[in-house]
Amino acid sequence: MLLDPSVHAQTYVEDCEVCCHPIEVAYEADGEGITAFEVQRLEE
């Protein structure tokens, strides 16, 4: 998983590399680094 700190906020869904269930990834950045990061499993 690669995150771009130049994007100030992003949320997206991808499949977990381990169990293949969908996960929602959300993060916030200030241009220099990640300031908030959250991942949660989505129910199918």
N, C-alpha and C. Protein backbone atom coordinates (compact mmCIF):
# COMPACT_ATOMS: atom_id res chain seq x y z
N MET A 1 0.85 -1.16 0.00
CA MET A 1 0.00 0.00 0.00
C MET A 1 0.90 1.23 0.00
N LEU A 2 0.68 2.09 -0.96
CA LEU A 2 1.42 3.34 -1.04
C LEU A 2 0.46 4.50 -0.84
N LEU A 3 0.85 5.44 0.01
CA LEU A 3 0.03 6.62 0.27
C LEU A 3 0.80 7.85 -0.19
N ASP A 4 0.10 8.78 -0.80
CA ASP A 4 0.71 10.00 -1.33
C ASP A 4 0.46 11.15 -0.37
N PRO A 5 1.48 11.61 0.38
CA PRO A 5 1.27 12.68 1.35
C PRO A 5 0.96 14.04 0.72
N SER A 6 1.11 14.17 -0.61
CA SER A 6 0.74 15.43 -1.25
C SER A 6 -0.77 15.54 -1.45
N VAL A 7 -1.50 14.42 -1.30
CA VAL A 7 -2.97 14.42 -1.33
C VAL A 7 -3.43 14.64 0.11
N HIS A 8 -4.18 15.70 0.36
CA HIS A 8 -4.50 16.09 1.74
C HIS A 8 -5.48 15.16 2.44
N ALA A 9 -6.37 14.50 1.71
CA ALA A 9 -7.29 13.54 2.32
C ALA A 9 -7.77 12.58 1.24
N GLN A 10 -7.84 11.32 1.58
CA GLN A 10 -8.29 10.33 0.61
C GLN A 10 -8.92 9.15 1.34
N THR A 11 -9.97 8.59 0.74
CA THR A 11 -10.61 7.37 1.22
C THR A 11 -10.82 6.47 0.01
N TYR A 12 -10.45 5.21 0.15
CA TYR A 12 -10.66 4.28 -0.95
C TYR A 12 -10.83 2.87 -0.40
N VAL A 13 -11.29 1.96 -1.26
CA VAL A 13 -11.53 0.57 -0.88
C VAL A 13 -10.59 -0.31 -1.70
N GLU A 14 -9.97 -1.27 -1.03
CA GLU A 14 -9.14 -2.25 -1.72
C GLU A 14 -9.27 -3.58 -1.02
N ASP A 15 -8.82 -4.63 -1.66
CA ASP A 15 -8.87 -5.96 -1.06
C ASP A 15 -7.66 -6.16 -0.15
N CYS A 16 -7.90 -6.74 1.02
CA CYS A 16 -6.83 -7.05 1.95
C CYS A 16 -5.86 -8.04 1.29
N GLU A 17 -4.57 -7.79 1.41
CA GLU A 17 -3.56 -8.67 0.82
C GLU A 17 -3.50 -10.03 1.50
N VAL A 18 -3.98 -10.12 2.73
CA VAL A 18 -3.91 -11.37 3.49
C VAL A 18 -5.17 -12.21 3.32
N CYS A 19 -6.35 -11.60 3.56
CA CYS A 19 -7.59 -12.38 3.57
C CYS A 19 -8.50 -12.10 2.38
N CYS A 20 -8.16 -11.14 1.54
CA CYS A 20 -8.91 -10.78 0.32
C CYS A 20 -10.28 -10.15 0.59
N HIS A 21 -10.61 -9.82 1.84
CA HIS A 21 -11.86 -9.11 2.13
C HIS A 21 -11.66 -7.63 1.82
N PRO A 22 -12.73 -6.93 1.45
CA PRO A 22 -12.59 -5.51 1.17
C PRO A 22 -12.32 -4.72 2.45
N ILE A 23 -11.42 -3.77 2.34
CA ILE A 23 -11.12 -2.87 3.46
C ILE A 23 -11.20 -1.43 2.96
N GLU A 24 -11.61 -0.55 3.86
CA GLU A 24 -11.66 0.87 3.55
C GLU A 24 -10.44 1.53 4.18
N VAL A 25 -9.70 2.25 3.38
CA VAL A 25 -8.51 2.95 3.84
C VAL A 25 -8.80 4.45 3.77
N ALA A 26 -8.55 5.15 4.86
CA ALA A 26 -8.74 6.60 4.89
C ALA A 26 -7.53 7.23 5.56
N TYR A 27 -7.07 8.34 4.98
CA TYR A 27 -5.96 9.04 5.61
C TYR A 27 -6.02 10.52 5.32
N GLU A 28 -5.31 11.28 6.15
CA GLU A 28 -5.16 12.72 5.97
C GLU A 28 -3.68 13.02 6.03
N ALA A 29 -3.26 14.04 5.29
CA ALA A 29 -1.86 14.43 5.26
C ALA A 29 -1.75 15.94 5.25
N ASP A 30 -0.58 16.43 5.64
CA ASP A 30 -0.36 17.88 5.67
C ASP A 30 0.63 18.33 4.59
N GLY A 31 0.90 17.49 3.61
CA GLY A 31 1.85 17.82 2.56
C GLY A 31 3.25 17.32 2.83
N GLU A 32 3.56 17.07 4.10
CA GLU A 32 4.88 16.57 4.48
C GLU A 32 4.82 15.14 4.99
N GLY A 33 3.68 14.75 5.52
CA GLY A 33 3.55 13.40 6.06
C GLY A 33 2.10 13.09 6.40
N ILE A 34 1.86 11.85 6.75
CA ILE A 34 0.53 11.37 7.11
C ILE A 34 0.21 11.83 8.53
N THR A 35 -0.94 12.47 8.73
CA THR A 35 -1.33 12.94 10.06
C THR A 35 -2.43 12.10 10.70
N ALA A 36 -3.18 11.35 9.88
CA ALA A 36 -4.22 10.46 10.40
C ALA A 36 -4.34 9.29 9.44
N PHE A 37 -4.58 8.09 10.00
CA PHE A 37 -4.66 6.88 9.18
C PHE A 37 -5.65 5.94 9.83
N GLU A 38 -6.59 5.40 9.03
CA GLU A 38 -7.60 4.47 9.56
C GLU A 38 -7.91 3.42 8.50
N VAL A 39 -8.00 2.18 8.95
CA VAL A 39 -8.36 1.06 8.08
C VAL A 39 -9.45 0.27 8.78
N GLN A 40 -10.50 -0.08 8.05
CA GLN A 40 -11.55 -0.91 8.64
C GLN A 40 -12.05 -1.91 7.62
N ARG A 41 -12.40 -3.08 8.09
CA ARG A 41 -12.93 -4.13 7.23
C ARG A 41 -14.38 -3.81 6.90
N LEU A 42 -14.74 -3.93 5.65
CA LEU A 42 -16.11 -3.70 5.22
C LEU A 42 -16.86 -5.01 5.23
N GLU A 43 -18.10 -4.95 5.65
CA GLU A 43 -18.94 -6.15 5.65
C GLU A 43 -19.43 -6.40 4.24
N GLU A 44 -19.46 -7.65 3.84
CA GLU A 44 -19.90 -8.00 2.49
C GLU A 44 -21.39 -8.11 2.40
